[in-house]
Amino acid sequence: MEYRSHLRERNFEPKLFRKRGNREKGVDIALTKEMLVNAFQQNCDLIVLIAGDEDYIELVEEVKRYGQKIYGVFFGHGLSEHLRLVFDRFTYINQAGFGQSYDSLRSAIADIVQSEK
């Protein structure tokens, strides 16, 4: 809840998707639907995707085709280099600092917000 409030204070509307058990595809589909609907309806100017899976390359390209900027945030390992290259901008976060406080992620989001001013 604290994380969602932090993002809203910075004019972001967070949509958090959590994988439950082995339902990764359900999360992928929900995330894809959310991003494409909002991109198509021009509901946003900037999307931040926290993911490193190469499966998202086509989604990122499609969102960009609708005119939205899409920034990526992910840990230093496990990231698809191809995905990193399709983002408009990319920021690494430190997994060690990601724990309960989300400090590394907050810092990455703050950098993104600052770059948009």
PDB file of N, CA and C in Angstrom:
ATOM      1  N   MET A   1       0.813  -1.192   0.000  1.00  0.00           N
ATOM      2  CA  MET A   1       0.000   0.000   0.000  1.00  0.00           C
ATOM      3  C   MET A   1       0.861   1.262   0.000  1.00  0.00           C
ATOM      4  N   GLU A   2       1.933   1.247   0.791  1.00  0.00           N
ATOM      5  CA  GLU A   2       2.820   2.400   0.855  1.00  0.00           C
ATOM      6  C   GLU A   2       3.446   2.670  -0.514  1.00  0.00           C
ATOM      7  N   TYR A   3       3.794   1.611  -1.225  1.00  0.00           N
ATOM      8  CA  TYR A   3       4.398   1.744  -2.546  1.00  0.00           C
ATOM      9  C   TYR A   3       3.420   2.398  -3.516  1.00  0.00           C
ATOM     10  N   ARG A   4       2.164   1.970  -3.495  1.00  0.00           N
ATOM     11  CA  ARG A   4       1.137   2.539  -4.376  1.00  0.00           C
ATOM     12  C   ARG A   4       0.942   4.029  -4.071  1.00  0.00           C
ATOM     13  N   SER A   5       0.902   4.397  -2.814  1.00  0.00           N
ATOM     14  CA  SER A   5       0.756   5.815  -2.425  1.00  0.00           C
ATOM     15  C   SER A   5       1.935   6.634  -2.913  1.00  0.00           C
ATOM     16  N   HIS A   6       3.125   6.092  -2.783  1.00  0.00           N
ATOM     17  CA  HIS A   6       4.333   6.784  -3.228  1.00  0.00           C
ATOM     18  C   HIS A   6       4.246   7.091  -4.726  1.00  0.00           C
ATOM     19  N   LEU A   7       3.779   6.144  -5.520  1.00  0.00           N
ATOM     20  CA  LEU A   7       3.664   6.360  -6.961  1.00  0.00           C
ATOM     21  C   LEU A   7       2.565   7.361  -7.290  1.00  0.00           C
ATOM     22  N   ARG A   8       1.455   7.289  -6.610  1.00  0.00           N
ATOM     23  CA  ARG A   8       0.350   8.230  -6.884  1.00  0.00           C
ATOM     24  C   ARG A   8       0.747   9.666  -6.565  1.00  0.00           C
ATOM     25  N   GLU A   9       1.555   9.851  -5.532  1.00  0.00           N
ATOM     26  CA  GLU A   9       2.037  11.191  -5.193  1.00  0.00           C
ATOM     27  C   GLU A   9       2.865  11.781  -6.328  1.00  0.00           C
ATOM     28  N   ARG A  10       3.396  10.927  -7.180  1.00  0.00           N
ATOM     29  CA  ARG A  10       4.233  11.363  -8.302  1.00  0.00           C
ATOM     30  C   ARG A  10       3.496  11.252  -9.633  1.00  0.00           C
ATOM     31  N   ASN A  11       2.177  11.256  -9.560  1.00  0.00           N
ATOM     32  CA  ASN A  11       1.304  11.244 -10.738  1.00  0.00           C
ATOM     33  C   ASN A  11       1.412   9.981 -11.589  1.00  0.00           C
ATOM     34  N   PHE A  12       1.728   8.862 -10.956  1.00  0.00           N
ATOM     35  CA  PHE A  12       1.683   7.557 -11.609  1.00  0.00           C
ATOM     36  C   PHE A  12       0.465   6.808 -11.106  1.00  0.00           C
ATOM     37  N   GLU A  13      -0.157   6.046 -11.971  1.00  0.00           N
ATOM     38  CA  GLU A  13      -1.268   5.179 -11.571  1.00  0.00           C
ATOM     39  C   GLU A  13      -0.742   3.745 -11.622  1.00  0.00           C
ATOM     40  N   PRO A  14      -0.375   3.208 -10.464  1.00  0.00           N
ATOM     41  CA  PRO A  14       0.240   1.882 -10.469  1.00  0.00           C
ATOM     42  C   PRO A  14      -0.776   0.762 -10.690  1.00  0.00           C
ATOM     43  N   LYS A  15      -0.364  -0.207 -11.462  1.00  0.00           N
ATOM     44  CA  LYS A  15      -1.104  -1.452 -11.643  1.00  0.00           C
ATOM     45  C   LYS A  15      -0.126  -2.561 -11.310  1.00  0.00           C
ATOM     46  N   LEU A  16      -0.338  -3.205 -10.189  1.00  0.00           N
ATOM     47  CA  LEU A  16       0.576  -4.232  -9.730  1.00  0.00           C
ATOM     48  C   LEU A  16      -0.013  -5.601 -10.028  1.00  0.00           C
ATOM     49  N   PHE A  17       0.787  -6.448 -10.624  1.00  0.00           N
ATOM     50  CA  PHE A  17       0.369  -7.812 -10.957  1.00  0.00           C
ATOM     51  C   PHE A  17       1.314  -8.760 -10.242  1.00  0.00           C
ATOM     52  N   ARG A  18       0.748  -9.643  -9.445  1.00  0.00           N
ATOM     53  CA  ARG A  18       1.570 -10.598  -8.694  1.00  0.00           C
ATOM     54  C   ARG A  18       1.295 -12.013  -9.170  1.00  0.00           C
ATOM     55  N   LYS A  19       2.375 -12.720  -9.386  1.00  0.00           N
ATOM     56  CA  LYS A  19       2.255 -14.115  -9.790  1.00  0.00           C
ATOM     57  C   LYS A  19       1.871 -14.937  -8.566  1.00  0.00           C
ATOM     58  N   ARG A  20       0.849 -15.730  -8.693  1.00  0.00           N
ATOM     59  CA  ARG A  20       0.410 -16.602  -7.602  1.00  0.00           C
ATOM     60  C   ARG A  20       0.671 -18.046  -8.021  1.00  0.00           C
ATOM     61  N   GLY A  21       1.554 -18.695  -7.285  1.00  0.00           N
ATOM     62  CA  GLY A  21       1.868 -20.071  -7.616  1.00  0.00           C
ATOM     63  C   GLY A  21       2.557 -20.155  -8.966  1.00  0.00           C
ATOM     64  N   ASN A  22       2.025 -20.986  -9.840  1.00  0.00           N
ATOM     65  CA  ASN A  22       2.631 -21.176 -11.160  1.00  0.00           C
ATOM     66  C   ASN A  22       1.747 -20.565 -12.242  1.00  0.00           C
ATOM     67  N   ARG A  23       1.106 -19.445 -11.987  1.00  0.00           N
ATOM     68  CA  ARG A  23       0.180 -18.816 -12.926  1.00  0.00           C
ATOM     69  C   ARG A  23       0.816 -17.648 -13.653  1.00  0.00           C
ATOM     70  N   GLU A  24       2.013 -17.847 -14.145  1.00  0.00           N
ATOM     71  CA  GLU A  24       2.732 -16.766 -14.822  1.00  0.00           C
ATOM     72  C   GLU A  24       1.985 -16.268 -16.051  1.00  0.00           C
ATOM     73  N   LYS A  25       1.405 -17.162 -16.827  1.00  0.00           N
ATOM     74  CA  LYS A  25       0.704 -16.751 -18.048  1.00  0.00           C
ATOM     75  C   LYS A  25      -0.503 -15.869 -17.730  1.00  0.00           C
ATOM     76  N   GLY A  26      -1.178 -16.124 -16.632  1.00  0.00           N
ATOM     77  CA  GLY A  26      -2.305 -15.283 -16.229  1.00  0.00           C
ATOM     78  C   GLY A  26      -1.870 -13.852 -15.972  1.00  0.00           C
ATOM     79  N   VAL A  27      -0.721 -13.692 -15.355  1.00  0.00           N
ATOM     80  CA  VAL A  27      -0.166 -12.359 -15.106  1.00  0.00           C
ATOM     81  C   VAL A  27       0.244 -11.718 -16.423  1.00  0.00           C
ATOM     82  N   ASP A  28       0.897 -12.491 -17.284  1.00  0.00           N
ATOM     83  CA  ASP A  28       1.316 -11.961 -18.587  1.00  0.00           C
ATOM     84  C   ASP A  28       0.125 -11.440 -19.377  1.00  0.00           C
ATOM     85  N   ILE A  29      -0.952 -12.185 -19.390  1.00  0.00           N
ATOM     86  CA  ILE A  29      -2.142 -11.787 -20.148  1.00  0.00           C
ATOM     87  C   ILE A  29      -2.785 -10.552 -19.531  1.00  0.00           C
ATOM     88  N   ALA A  30      -2.914 -10.516 -18.220  1.00  0.00           N
ATOM     89  CA  ALA A  30      -3.519  -9.361 -17.547  1.00  0.00           C
ATOM     90  C   ALA A  30      -2.680  -8.097 -17.785  1.00  0.00           C
ATOM     91  N   LEU A  31      -1.372  -8.233 -17.679  1.00  0.00           N
ATOM     92  CA  LEU A  31      -0.478  -7.097 -17.907  1.00  0.00           C
ATOM     93  C   LEU A  31      -0.561  -6.619 -19.351  1.00  0.00           C
ATOM     94  N   THR A  32      -0.545  -7.543 -20.287  1.00  0.00           N
ATOM     95  CA  THR A  32      -0.634  -7.199 -21.707  1.00  0.00           C
ATOM     96  C   THR A  32      -1.934  -6.472 -22.010  1.00  0.00           C
ATOM     97  N   LYS A  33      -3.032  -6.998 -21.503  1.00  0.00           N
ATOM     98  CA  LYS A  33      -4.348  -6.367 -21.726  1.00  0.00           C
ATOM     99  C   LYS A  33      -4.355  -4.950 -21.166  1.00  0.00           C
ATOM    100  N   GLU A  34      -3.899  -4.784 -19.956  1.00  0.00           N
ATOM    101  CA  GLU A  34      -3.889  -3.471 -19.299  1.00  0.00           C
ATOM    102  C   GLU A  34      -3.066  -2.459 -20.095  1.00  0.00           C
ATOM    103  N   MET A  35      -1.900  -2.866 -20.519  1.00  0.00           N
ATOM    104  CA  MET A  35      -1.035  -1.942 -21.247  1.00  0.00           C
ATOM    105  C   MET A  35      -1.594  -1.593 -22.620  1.00  0.00           C
ATOM    106  N   LEU A  36      -2.096  -2.579 -23.343  1.00  0.00           N
ATOM    107  CA  LEU A  36      -2.612  -2.309 -24.682  1.00  0.00           C
ATOM    108  C   LEU A  36      -3.885  -1.469 -24.659  1.00  0.00           C
ATOM    109  N   VAL A  37      -4.788  -1.757 -23.736  1.00  0.00           N
ATOM    110  CA  VAL A  37      -6.022  -0.975 -23.635  1.00  0.00           C
ATOM    111  C   VAL A  37      -5.700   0.481 -23.336  1.00  0.00           C
ATOM    112  N   ASN A  38      -4.823   0.714 -22.371  1.00  0.00           N
ATOM    113  CA  ASN A  38      -4.483   2.092 -22.006  1.00  0.00           C
ATOM    114  C   ASN A  38      -3.684   2.797 -23.090  1.00  0.00           C
ATOM    115  N   ALA A  39      -2.829   2.083 -23.781  1.00  0.00           N
ATOM    116  CA  ALA A  39      -2.091   2.689 -24.892  1.00  0.00           C
ATOM    117  C   ALA A  39      -3.043   3.048 -26.029  1.00  0.00           C
ATOM    118  N   PHE A  40      -3.929   2.140 -26.389  1.00  0.00           N
ATOM    119  CA  PHE A  40      -4.877   2.379 -27.478  1.00  0.00           C
ATOM    120  C   PHE A  40      -5.800   3.560 -27.179  1.00  0.00           C
ATOM    121  N   GLN A  41      -6.260   3.644 -25.917  1.00  0.00           N
ATOM    122  CA  GLN A  41      -7.175   4.718 -25.535  1.00  0.00           C
ATOM    123  C   GLN A  41      -6.447   6.008 -25.173  1.00  0.00           C
ATOM    124  N   GLN A  42      -5.137   6.020 -25.313  1.00  0.00           N
ATOM    125  CA  GLN A  42      -4.324   7.207 -25.014  1.00  0.00           C
ATOM    126  C   GLN A  42      -4.542   7.691 -23.583  1.00  0.00           C
ATOM    127  N   ASN A  43      -4.637   6.762 -22.641  1.00  0.00           N
ATOM    128  CA  ASN A  43      -4.863   7.084 -21.235  1.00  0.00           C
ATOM    129  C   ASN A  43      -3.591   7.500 -20.505  1.00  0.00           C
ATOM    130  N   CYS A  44      -2.449   7.397 -21.160  1.00  0.00           N
ATOM    131  CA  CYS A  44      -1.201   7.708 -20.477  1.00  0.00           C
ATOM    132  C   CYS A  44      -0.175   8.206 -21.483  1.00  0.00           C
ATOM    133  N   ASP A  45       0.848   8.841 -20.959  1.00  0.00           N
ATOM    134  CA  ASP A  45       1.956   9.304 -21.782  1.00  0.00           C
ATOM    135  C   ASP A  45       3.189   8.443 -21.586  1.00  0.00           C
ATOM    136  N   LEU A  46       3.279   7.802 -20.425  1.00  0.00           N
ATOM    137  CA  LEU A  46       4.464   7.052 -20.056  1.00  0.00           C
ATOM    138  C   LEU A  46       4.045   5.790 -19.320  1.00  0.00           C
ATOM    139  N   ILE A  47       4.654   4.691 -19.679  1.00  0.00           N
ATOM    140  CA  ILE A  47       4.429   3.417 -18.999  1.00  0.00           C
ATOM    141  C   ILE A  47       5.778   2.940 -18.486  1.00  0.00           C
ATOM    142  N   VAL A  48       5.808   2.452 -17.255  1.00  0.00           N
ATOM    143  CA  VAL A  48       7.017   1.861 -16.684  1.00  0.00           C
ATOM    144  C   VAL A  48       6.735   0.377 -16.469  1.00  0.00           C
ATOM    145  N   LEU A  49       7.518  -0.447 -17.119  1.00  0.00           N
ATOM    146  CA  LEU A  49       7.370  -1.894 -17.014  1.00  0.00           C
ATOM    147  C   LEU A  49       8.529  -2.448 -16.214  1.00  0.00           C
ATOM    148  N   ILE A  50       8.207  -3.133 -15.137  1.00  0.00           N
ATOM    149  CA  ILE A  50       9.224  -3.777 -14.317  1.00  0.00           C
ATOM    150  C   ILE A  50       9.210  -5.251 -14.692  1.00  0.00           C
ATOM    151  N   ALA A  51      10.039  -5.591 -15.657  1.00  0.00           N
ATOM    152  CA  ALA A  51      10.100  -6.953 -16.170  1.00  0.00           C
ATOM    153  C   ALA A  51      11.370  -7.124 -16.967  1.00  0.00           C
ATOM    154  N   GLY A  52      11.835  -8.348 -17.069  1.00  0.00           N
ATOM    155  CA  GLY A  52      13.042  -8.623 -17.825  1.00  0.00           C
ATOM    156  C   GLY A  52      12.882  -9.719 -18.853  1.00  0.00           C
ATOM    157  N   ASP A  53      11.662 -10.221 -19.006  1.00  0.00           N
ATOM    158  CA  ASP A  53      11.382 -11.361 -19.872  1.00  0.00           C
ATOM    159  C   ASP A  53      11.284 -10.959 -21.333  1.00  0.00           C
ATOM    160  N   GLU A  54      11.985 -11.649 -22.181  1.00  0.00           N
ATOM    161  CA  GLU A  54      11.990 -11.370 -23.615  1.00  0.00           C
ATOM    162  C   GLU A  54      10.597 -11.472 -24.238  1.00  0.00           C
ATOM    163  N   ASP A  55       9.681 -12.183 -23.586  1.00  0.00           N
ATOM    164  CA  ASP A  55       8.314 -12.310 -24.098  1.00  0.00           C
ATOM    165  C   ASP A  55       7.607 -10.964 -24.221  1.00  0.00           C
ATOM    166  N   TYR A  56       8.090  -9.943 -23.542  1.00  0.00           N
ATOM    167  CA  TYR A  56       7.440  -8.635 -23.566  1.00  0.00           C
ATOM    168  C   TYR A  56       7.908  -7.728 -24.712  1.00  0.00           C
ATOM    169  N   ILE A  57       8.830  -8.177 -25.525  1.00  0.00           N
ATOM    170  CA  ILE A  57       9.364  -7.333 -26.607  1.00  0.00           C
ATOM    171  C   ILE A  57       8.253  -6.839 -27.530  1.00  0.00           C
ATOM    172  N   GLU A  58       7.423  -7.734 -28.013  1.00  0.00           N
ATOM    173  CA  GLU A  58       6.353  -7.326 -28.937  1.00  0.00           C
ATOM    174  C   GLU A  58       5.351  -6.401 -28.262  1.00  0.00           C
ATOM    175  N   LEU A  59       5.077  -6.618 -26.988  1.00  0.00           N
ATOM    176  CA  LEU A  59       4.178  -5.737 -26.249  1.00  0.00           C
ATOM    177  C   LEU A  59       4.766  -4.329 -26.172  1.00  0.00           C
ATOM    178  N   VAL A  60       6.028  -4.222 -25.828  1.00  0.00           N
ATOM    179  CA  VAL A  60       6.684  -2.911 -25.736  1.00  0.00           C
ATOM    180  C   VAL A  60       6.651  -2.213 -27.093  1.00  0.00           C
ATOM    181  N   GLU A  61       6.953  -2.945 -28.147  1.00  0.00           N
ATOM    182  CA  GLU A  61       6.918  -2.346 -29.486  1.00  0.00           C
ATOM    183  C   GLU A  61       5.519  -1.869 -29.865  1.00  0.00           C
ATOM    184  N   GLU A  62       4.497  -2.627 -29.502  1.00  0.00           N
ATOM    185  CA  GLU A  62       3.115  -2.243 -29.817  1.00  0.00           C
ATOM    186  C   GLU A  62       2.694  -1.003 -29.035  1.00  0.00           C
ATOM    187  N   VAL A  63       3.055  -0.933 -27.761  1.00  0.00           N
ATOM    188  CA  VAL A  63       2.736   0.240 -26.946  1.00  0.00           C
ATOM    189  C   VAL A  63       3.408   1.481 -27.546  1.00  0.00           C
ATOM    190  N   LYS A  64       4.646   1.353 -27.975  1.00  0.00           N
ATOM    191  CA  LYS A  64       5.354   2.472 -28.592  1.00  0.00           C
ATOM    192  C   LYS A  64       4.688   2.892 -29.902  1.00  0.00           C
ATOM    193  N   ARG A  65       4.135   1.940 -30.628  1.00  0.00           N
ATOM    194  CA  ARG A  65       3.452   2.248 -31.888  1.00  0.00           C
ATOM    195  C   ARG A  65       2.252   3.165 -31.653  1.00  0.00           C
ATOM    196  N   TYR A  66       1.628   3.066 -30.470  1.00  0.00           N
ATOM    197  CA  TYR A  66       0.501   3.947 -30.134  1.00  0.00           C
ATOM    198  C   TYR A  66       0.966   5.304 -29.624  1.00  0.00           C
ATOM    199  N   GLY A  67       2.268   5.500 -29.508  1.00  0.00           N
ATOM    200  CA  GLY A  67       2.806   6.812 -29.164  1.00  0.00           C
ATOM    201  C   GLY A  67       3.224   7.006 -27.722  1.00  0.00           C
ATOM    202  N   GLN A  68       3.032   6.029 -26.880  1.00  0.00           N
ATOM    203  CA  GLN A  68       3.446   6.170 -25.489  1.00  0.00           C
ATOM    204  C   GLN A  68       4.927   5.871 -25.344  1.00  0.00           C
ATOM    205  N   LYS A  69       5.550   6.543 -24.394  1.00  0.00           N
ATOM    206  CA  LYS A  69       6.914   6.200 -24.006  1.00  0.00           C
ATOM    207  C   LYS A  69       6.810   5.008 -23.066  1.00  0.00           C
ATOM    208  N   ILE A  70       7.767   4.118 -23.148  1.00  0.00           N
ATOM    209  CA  ILE A  70       7.777   2.986 -22.227  1.00  0.00           C
ATOM    210  C   ILE A  70       9.189   2.794 -21.702  1.00  0.00           C
ATOM    211  N   TYR A  71       9.300   2.894 -20.393  1.00  0.00           N
ATOM    212  CA  TYR A  71      10.574   2.743 -19.715  1.00  0.00           C
ATOM    213  C   TYR A  71      10.599   1.398 -19.015  1.00  0.00           C
ATOM    214  N   GLY A  72      11.765   0.815 -18.972  1.00  0.00           N
ATOM    215  CA  GLY A  72      11.943  -0.470 -18.309  1.00  0.00           C
ATOM    216  C   GLY A  72      12.762  -0.328 -17.055  1.00  0.00           C
ATOM    217  N   VAL A  73      12.439  -1.153 -16.083  1.00  0.00           N
ATOM    218  CA  VAL A  73      13.174  -1.214 -14.825  1.00  0.00           C
ATOM    219  C   VAL A  73      13.349  -2.698 -14.508  1.00  0.00           C
ATOM    220  N   PHE A  74      14.584  -3.099 -14.197  1.00  0.00           N
ATOM    221  CA  PHE A  74      14.788  -4.495 -13.827  1.00  0.00           C
ATOM    222  C   PHE A  74      16.120  -4.658 -13.109  1.00  0.00           C
ATOM    223  N   PHE A  75      16.298  -5.840 -12.527  1.00  0.00           N
ATOM    224  CA  PHE A  75      17.527  -6.184 -11.818  1.00  0.00           C
ATOM    225  C   PHE A  75      18.670  -6.372 -12.812  1.00  0.00           C
ATOM    226  N   GLY A  76      19.881  -6.382 -12.332  1.00  0.00           N
ATOM    227  CA  GLY A  76      21.046  -6.521 -13.188  1.00  0.00           C
ATOM    228  C   GLY A  76      21.192  -7.877 -13.843  1.00  0.00           C
ATOM    229  N   HIS A  77      20.546  -8.897 -13.307  1.00  0.00           N
ATOM    230  CA  HIS A  77      20.666 -10.230 -13.905  1.00  0.00           C
ATOM    231  C   HIS A  77      19.288 -10.733 -14.338  1.00  0.00           C
ATOM    232  N   GLY A  78      19.280 -11.610 -15.320  1.00  0.00           N
ATOM    233  CA  GLY A  78      18.018 -12.191 -15.786  1.00  0.00           C
ATOM    234  C   GLY A  78      17.279 -11.339 -16.793  1.00  0.00           C
ATOM    235  N   LEU A  79      17.872 -10.239 -17.210  1.00  0.00           N
ATOM    236  CA  LEU A  79      17.238  -9.327 -18.154  1.00  0.00           C
ATOM    237  C   LEU A  79      17.585  -9.723 -19.581  1.00  0.00           C
ATOM    238  N   SER A  80      16.590  -9.755 -20.431  1.00  0.00           N
ATOM    239  CA  SER A  80      16.821  -9.984 -21.850  1.00  0.00           C
ATOM    240  C   SER A  80      17.446  -8.720 -22.449  1.00  0.00           C
ATOM    241  N   GLU A  81      18.575  -8.868 -23.093  1.00  0.00           N
ATOM    242  CA  GLU A  81      19.232  -7.730 -23.745  1.00  0.00           C
ATOM    243  C   GLU A  81      18.353  -7.171 -24.859  1.00  0.00           C
ATOM    244  N   HIS A  82      17.631  -8.036 -25.545  1.00  0.00           N
ATOM    245  CA  HIS A  82      16.729  -7.581 -26.614  1.00  0.00           C
ATOM    246  C   HIS A  82      15.609  -6.715 -26.049  1.00  0.00           C
ATOM    247  N   LEU A  83      15.074  -7.099 -24.895  1.00  0.00           N
ATOM    248  CA  LEU A  83      14.028  -6.291 -24.259  1.00  0.00           C
ATOM    249  C   LEU A  83      14.597  -4.935 -23.847  1.00  0.00           C
ATOM    250  N   ARG A  84      15.763  -4.937 -23.227  1.00  0.00           N
ATOM    251  CA  ARG A  84      16.377  -3.680 -22.786  1.00  0.00           C
ATOM    252  C   ARG A  84      16.508  -2.704 -23.955  1.00  0.00           C
ATOM    253  N   LEU A  85      16.838  -3.208 -25.113  1.00  0.00           N
ATOM    254  CA  LEU A  85      17.059  -2.343 -26.271  1.00  0.00           C
ATOM    255  C   LEU A  85      15.780  -1.767 -26.869  1.00  0.00           C
ATOM    256  N   VAL A  86      14.621  -2.377 -26.629  1.00  0.00           N
ATOM    257  CA  VAL A  86      13.388  -1.830 -27.214  1.00  0.00           C
ATOM    258  C   VAL A  86      12.742  -0.762 -26.337  1.00  0.00           C
ATOM    259  N   PHE A  87      13.112  -0.699 -25.054  1.00  0.00           N
ATOM    260  CA  PHE A  87      12.580   0.357 -24.194  1.00  0.00           C
ATOM    261  C   PHE A  87      13.068   1.714 -24.657  1.00  0.00           C
ATOM    262  N   ASP A  88      12.288   2.763 -24.411  1.00  0.00           N
ATOM    263  CA  ASP A  88      12.733   4.129 -24.682  1.00  0.00           C
ATOM    264  C   ASP A  88      13.861   4.523 -23.739  1.00  0.00           C
ATOM    265  N   ARG A  89      13.787   4.005 -22.537  1.00  0.00           N
ATOM    266  CA  ARG A  89      14.818   4.252 -21.529  1.00  0.00           C
ATOM    267  C   ARG A  89      14.786   3.069 -20.586  1.00  0.00           C
ATOM    268  N   PHE A  90      15.935   2.757 -20.017  1.00  0.00           N
ATOM    269  CA  PHE A  90      16.006   1.616 -19.113  1.00  0.00           C
ATOM    270  C   PHE A  90      16.845   1.970 -17.897  1.00  0.00           C
ATOM    271  N   THR A  91      16.436   1.479 -16.732  1.00  0.00           N
ATOM    272  CA  THR A  91      17.156   1.696 -15.487  1.00  0.00           C
ATOM    273  C   THR A  91      17.272   0.369 -14.755  1.00  0.00           C
ATOM    274  N   TYR A  92      18.462   0.084 -14.261  1.00  0.00           N
ATOM    275  CA  TYR A  92      18.653  -1.105 -13.426  1.00  0.00           C
ATOM    276  C   TYR A  92      18.303  -0.771 -11.987  1.00  0.00           C
ATOM    277  N   ILE A  93      17.810  -1.755 -11.273  1.00  0.00           N
ATOM    278  CA  ILE A  93      17.603  -1.604  -9.834  1.00  0.00           C
ATOM    279  C   ILE A  93      18.424  -2.673  -9.134  1.00  0.00           C
ATOM    280  N   ASN A  94      18.790  -2.374  -7.922  1.00  0.00           N
ATOM    281  CA  ASN A  94      19.618  -3.256  -7.117  1.00  0.00           C
ATOM    282  C   ASN A  94      18.722  -4.213  -6.344  1.00  0.00           C
ATOM    283  N   GLN A  95      18.835  -5.501  -6.622  1.00  0.00           N
ATOM    284  CA  GLN A  95      17.981  -6.488  -5.963  1.00  0.00           C
ATOM    285  C   GLN A  95      18.225  -6.521  -4.466  1.00  0.00           C
ATOM    286  N   ALA A  96      19.460  -6.285  -4.039  1.00  0.00           N
ATOM    287  CA  ALA A  96      19.766  -6.306  -2.612  1.00  0.00           C
ATOM    288  C   ALA A  96      18.983  -5.225  -1.876  1.00  0.00           C
ATOM    289  N   GLY A  97      18.748  -4.082  -2.523  1.00  0.00           N
ATOM    290  CA  GLY A  97      18.017  -2.990  -1.894  1.00  0.00           C
ATOM    291  C   GLY A  97      16.522  -3.063  -2.129  1.00  0.00           C
ATOM    292  N   PHE A  98      16.072  -4.126  -2.794  1.00  0.00           N
ATOM    293  CA  PHE A  98      14.671  -4.208  -3.198  1.00  0.00           C
ATOM    294  C   PHE A  98      13.771  -4.681  -2.077  1.00  0.00           C
ATOM    295  N   GLY A  99      14.299  -5.346  -1.073  1.00  0.00           N
ATOM    296  CA  GLY A  99      13.553  -5.893   0.061  1.00  0.00           C
ATOM    297  C   GLY A  99      12.276  -5.183   0.446  1.00  0.00           C
ATOM    298  N   GLN A 100      12.022  -5.066   1.707  1.00  0.00           N
ATOM    299  CA  GLN A 100      10.783  -4.477   2.215  1.00  0.00           C
ATOM    300  C   GLN A 100      10.663  -2.987   1.908  1.00  0.00           C
ATOM    301  N   SER A 101      11.764  -2.282   1.834  1.00  0.00           N
ATOM    302  CA  SER A 101      11.678  -0.824   1.715  1.00  0.00           C
ATOM    303  C   SER A 101      11.528  -0.331   0.270  1.00  0.00           C
ATOM    304  N   TYR A 102      11.820  -1.161  -0.710  1.00  0.00           N
ATOM    305  CA  TYR A 102      11.720  -0.783  -2.124  1.00  0.00           C
ATOM    306  C   TYR A 102      12.577   0.428  -2.470  1.00  0.00           C
ATOM    307  N   ASP A 103      13.633   0.683  -1.710  1.00  0.00           N
ATOM    308  CA  ASP A 103      14.448   1.883  -1.928  1.00  0.00           C
ATOM    309  C   ASP A 103      15.009   1.974  -3.339  1.00  0.00           C
ATOM    310  N   SER A 104      15.508   0.869  -3.842  1.00  0.00           N
ATOM    311  CA  SER A 104      16.099   0.880  -5.177  1.00  0.00           C
ATOM    312  C   SER A 104      15.048   1.183  -6.240  1.00  0.00           C
ATOM    313  N   LEU A 105      13.870   0.608  -6.094  1.00  0.00           N
ATOM    314  CA  LEU A 105      12.797   0.858  -7.053  1.00  0.00           C
ATOM    315  C   LEU A 105      12.304   2.296  -6.944  1.00  0.00           C
ATOM    316  N   ARG A 106      12.164   2.796  -5.746  1.00  0.00           N
ATOM    317  CA  ARG A 106      11.752   4.189  -5.559  1.00  0.00           C
ATOM    318  C   ARG A 106      12.729   5.134  -6.240  1.00  0.00           C
ATOM    319  N   SER A 107      14.002   4.851  -6.081  1.00  0.00           N
ATOM    320  CA  SER A 107      15.022   5.683  -6.697  1.00  0.00           C
ATOM    321  C   SER A 107      14.911   5.642  -8.223  1.00  0.00           C
ATOM    322  N   ALA A 108      14.677   4.463  -8.768  1.00  0.00           N
ATOM    323  CA  ALA A 108      14.528   4.330 -10.226  1.00  0.00           C
ATOM    324  C   ALA A 108      13.309   5.096 -10.721  1.00  0.00           C
ATOM    325  N   ILE A 109      12.193   4.982 -10.015  1.00  0.00           N
ATOM    326  CA  ILE A 109      10.959   5.702 -10.402  1.00  0.00           C
ATOM    327  C   ILE A 109      11.204   7.214 -10.285  1.00  0.00           C
ATOM    328  N   ALA A 110      11.874   7.640  -9.229  1.00  0.00           N
ATOM    329  CA  ALA A 110      12.168   9.071  -9.054  1.00  0.00           C
ATOM    330  C   ALA A 110      13.028   9.585 -10.210  1.00  0.00           C
ATOM    331  N   ASP A 111      13.992   8.790 -10.650  1.00  0.00           N
ATOM    332  CA  ASP A 111      14.816   9.177 -11.791  1.00  0.00           C
ATOM    333  C   ASP A 111      13.967   9.338 -13.050  1.00  0.00           C
ATOM    334  N   ILE A 112      13.034   8.420 -13.247  1.00  0.00           N
ATOM    335  CA  ILE A 112      12.167   8.476 -14.422  1.00  0.00           C
ATOM    336  C   ILE A 112      11.304   9.719 -14.377  1.00  0.00           C
ATOM    337  N   VAL A 113      10.692   9.971 -13.231  1.00  0.00           N
ATOM    338  CA  VAL A 113       9.822  11.154 -13.078  1.00  0.00           C
ATOM    339  C   VAL A 113      10.635  12.420 -13.317  1.00  0.00           C
ATOM    340  N   GLN A 114      11.821  12.486 -12.747  1.00  0.00           N
ATOM    341  CA  GLN A 114      12.668  13.672 -12.895  1.00  0.00           C
ATOM    342  C   GLN A 114      13.038  13.898 -14.363  1.00  0.00           C
ATOM    343  N   SER A 115      13.289  12.820 -15.088  1.00  0.00           N
ATOM    344  CA  SER A 115      13.692  12.957 -16.498  1.00  0.00           C
ATOM    345  C   SER A 115      12.533  13.437 -17.368  1.00  0.00           C
ATOM    346  N   GLU A 116      11.302  13.283 -16.893  1.00  0.00           N
ATOM    347  CA  GLU A 116      10.131  13.694 -17.661  1.00  0.00           C
ATOM    348  C   GLU A 116       9.759  15.143 -17.438  1.00  0.00           C
ATOM    349  N   LYS A 117      10.394  15.789 -16.470  1.00  0.00           N
ATOM    350  CA  LYS A 117      10.071  17.200 -16.169  1.00  0.00           C
ATOM    351  C   LYS A 117      10.736  18.128 -17.145  1.00  0.00           C
TER     352      LYS A 117
END
